[in-house]
Protein backbone atom coordinates (compact mmCIF):
# COMPACT_ATOMS: atom_id res chain seq x y z
CA MET A 1 -58.99 16.61 2.19
CA ARG A 2 -59.73 13.67 -0.09
CA MET A 3 -57.85 15.34 -2.95
CA SER A 4 -54.75 15.86 -0.82
CA LYS A 5 -54.72 12.15 0.11
CA ILE A 6 -54.82 11.24 -3.60
CA PHE A 7 -51.96 13.62 -4.39
CA ALA A 8 -49.94 12.33 -1.43
CA ALA A 9 -50.46 8.72 -2.52
CA ALA A 10 -49.50 9.60 -6.09
CA ALA A 11 -46.35 11.41 -4.91
CA ILE A 12 -45.30 8.45 -2.76
CA GLY A 13 -45.94 6.04 -5.60
CA LEU A 14 -43.96 8.15 -8.04
CA SER A 15 -41.09 8.49 -5.56
CA ALA A 16 -40.99 4.74 -5.00
CA PHE A 17 -41.02 4.10 -8.74
CA LEU A 18 -38.16 6.54 -9.39
CA LEU A 19 -36.12 5.13 -6.52
CA PHE A 20 -36.59 1.59 -7.81
CA ALA A 21 -35.83 2.54 -11.43
CA LEU A 22 -32.63 4.39 -10.54
CA GLY A 23 -31.47 1.63 -8.20
CA THR A 24 -32.02 -1.03 -10.83
CA GLN A 25 -29.77 0.72 -13.34
CA ALA A 26 -26.89 0.96 -10.85
CA GLN A 27 -27.30 -2.67 -9.79
CA ALA A 28 -27.20 -3.81 -13.42
CA GLN A 29 -23.72 -2.33 -13.90
CA ARG A 30 -22.07 -3.90 -10.88
CA PRO A 31 -21.71 -7.47 -12.13
CA ARG A 32 -19.76 -6.18 -15.12
CA TYR A 33 -17.02 -4.83 -12.84
CA LEU A 34 -16.95 -8.11 -10.91
CA HIS A 35 -16.71 -10.06 -14.15
CA ALA A 36 -13.89 -7.79 -15.35
CA LEU A 37 -12.08 -8.39 -12.06
CA SER A 38 -12.19 -12.17 -12.44
CA ASN A 39 -11.01 -11.97 -16.08
CA LEU A 40 -8.14 -9.66 -15.13
CA ARG A 41 -7.06 -12.07 -12.39
CA GLU A 42 -7.24 -15.04 -14.77
CA ALA A 43 -5.19 -13.19 -17.41
CA ARG A 44 -2.55 -12.38 -14.78
CA GLU A 45 -2.46 -16.01 -13.66
CA LEU A 46 -1.98 -17.25 -17.22
CA LEU A 47 0.87 -14.82 -17.79
CA GLN A 48 2.57 -15.71 -14.51
CA THR A 49 2.68 -19.38 -15.49
CA ASP A 50 4.23 -18.66 -18.91
CA ARG A 51 8.00 -18.80 -18.33
CA ARG A 52 9.35 -18.56 -21.88
CA PRO A 53 12.53 -16.49 -21.57
CA GLY A 54 12.15 -14.39 -24.71
CA PHE A 55 9.04 -12.57 -23.49
CA ILE A 56 9.84 -11.77 -19.87
CA GLY A 57 9.93 -7.98 -20.37
CA ALA A 58 6.63 -7.75 -22.22
CA ARG A 59 5.04 -10.25 -19.86
CA ASP A 60 6.21 -8.36 -16.77
CA ARG A 61 4.98 -5.07 -18.22
CA ALA A 62 1.57 -6.62 -18.97
CA ILE A 63 1.33 -8.12 -15.47
CA GLY A 64 2.18 -4.75 -13.91
CA GLU A 65 -0.54 -3.02 -15.92
CA ILE A 66 -3.03 -5.77 -15.09
CA ASP A 67 -2.23 -5.33 -11.38
CA ARG A 68 -2.89 -1.60 -11.65
CA ALA A 69 -6.17 -2.24 -13.51
CA ILE A 70 -7.18 -4.76 -10.81
CA ASP A 71 -6.54 -2.14 -8.12
CA GLU A 72 -8.77 0.38 -9.93
CA VAL A 73 -11.60 -2.10 -10.51
CA LYS A 74 -11.38 -3.38 -6.92
CA ALA A 75 -11.81 0.19 -5.69
CA ALA A 76 -14.93 0.56 -7.83
CA VAL A 77 -16.33 -2.73 -6.57
CA ARG A 78 -15.71 -1.76 -2.93
CA ASP A 79 -17.27 1.68 -3.47
CA GLU A 80 -20.37 -0.04 -4.78
CA GLY A 81 -20.62 -2.11 -1.61
CA ARG A 82 -19.54 -5.38 -3.19
CA ASN A 83 -16.91 -7.84 -2.02
CA PRO A 84 -14.05 -8.01 -4.59
CA HIS A 85 -13.18 -11.53 -3.43
CA PHE A 86 -16.50 -13.01 -4.59
CA THR A 87 -16.39 -12.78 -8.37
CA PRO A 88 -18.05 -14.83 -11.10
CA PRO A 89 -15.93 -17.38 -12.94
CA PRO A 90 -13.64 -15.96 -15.63
CA ALA A 91 -14.36 -16.28 -19.34
CA GLY A 92 -11.80 -19.10 -19.52
CA GLY A 93 -8.34 -19.49 -20.90
CA ASP A 94 -6.05 -22.06 -22.45
CA PRO A 95 -2.84 -22.69 -20.47
CA ASN A 96 -1.28 -24.05 -23.67
CA ARG A 97 -1.72 -20.62 -25.29
CA PRO A 98 -1.25 -18.24 -22.36
CA LEU A 99 -0.48 -15.07 -24.34
CA HIS A 100 -3.45 -15.48 -26.68
CA SER A 101 -5.76 -16.47 -23.83
CA ALA A 102 -4.63 -13.55 -21.66
CA LEU A 103 -5.20 -11.15 -24.55
CA ASN A 104 -8.73 -12.53 -25.07
CA LEU A 105 -9.47 -12.19 -21.34
CA LEU A 106 -8.22 -8.61 -21.39
CA ASP A 107 -10.50 -7.85 -24.35
CA VAL A 108 -13.51 -9.15 -22.39
CA ALA A 109 -12.44 -7.27 -19.25
CA ARG A 110 -12.06 -4.07 -21.24
CA GLU A 111 -15.54 -4.44 -22.63
CA ASP A 112 -16.95 -4.98 -19.13
CA VAL A 113 -15.16 -1.95 -17.67
CA ALA A 114 -16.15 0.23 -20.63
CA PHE A 115 -19.80 -0.75 -20.13
CA GLY A 116 -19.87 0.69 -16.60
CA THR A 117 -19.92 4.32 -15.57
CA ASP A 118 -17.82 6.30 -13.15
CA GLU A 119 -19.66 6.76 -9.88
CA THR A 120 -19.43 10.15 -8.22
CA GLY A 121 -17.01 8.89 -5.58
CA HIS A 122 -14.42 7.60 -8.04
CA VAL A 123 -14.36 9.93 -11.00
CA GLY A 124 -11.72 8.89 -13.52
CA LEU A 125 -11.40 5.36 -12.18
CA GLN A 126 -12.98 3.81 -15.25
CA MET A 127 -10.65 5.67 -17.61
CA ARG A 128 -7.58 4.74 -15.55
CA ALA A 129 -8.61 1.08 -15.54
CA LEU A 130 -9.18 1.16 -19.30
CA ARG A 131 -5.78 2.79 -19.84
CA HIS A 132 -4.04 0.06 -17.80
CA ILE A 133 -5.91 -2.68 -19.66
CA ASP A 134 -4.97 -1.11 -23.00
CA GLU A 135 -1.30 -0.93 -21.95
CA ALA A 136 -1.37 -4.61 -20.97
CA ARG A 137 -3.01 -5.51 -24.28
CA GLU A 138 -0.36 -3.56 -26.17
CA ALA A 139 2.45 -5.36 -24.32
CA LEU A 140 0.91 -8.73 -25.16
CA ARG A 141 0.42 -7.79 -28.81
CA HIS A 142 4.07 -6.78 -28.96
CA ALA A 143 5.10 -10.12 -27.43
CA LEU A 144 2.92 -12.04 -29.87
CA HIS A 145 4.35 -10.06 -32.79
CA GLU A 146 7.90 -10.85 -31.64
CA MET A 147 7.00 -14.51 -31.23
CA GLU A 148 5.57 -14.69 -34.76
CA ARG A 149 8.63 -12.93 -36.16
CA GLU A 150 10.97 -15.41 -34.50
CA HIS A 151 9.08 -18.39 -35.89
CA ARG A 152 9.20 -17.05 -39.45
CA TYR A 153 12.96 -17.14 -39.67
């Protein structure tokens, strides 16, 4: 009888430890998605305020991809039981250099999304978000390349 109580107590203790350890790992990933969400929103805002006429196509393409990435990350945040409207402050940006700042914010957001893992309920979400972020980054790099080329001549 005494031995069974010891085994029962040990089993409960081990179960509690495993539950806590597994829960801690999942909780540690969630702020990264929230941080990515705020950086994606800030990058979009910077691009929407940049009205230089020569880069409208690339800018619009980047904004569209950022919107799609935001939708994917918001779905992940909601699935994790978080509110996508309460995000940490973004990494920052310079409104005087909107394309460069947006590209830097997208780099940080990509790192945050890549750090997380796909939960069972939204398999492929992480890869789709990364693909949209990469497409937005490519559009901005193209715009920056065009801008540098124009200023050379």
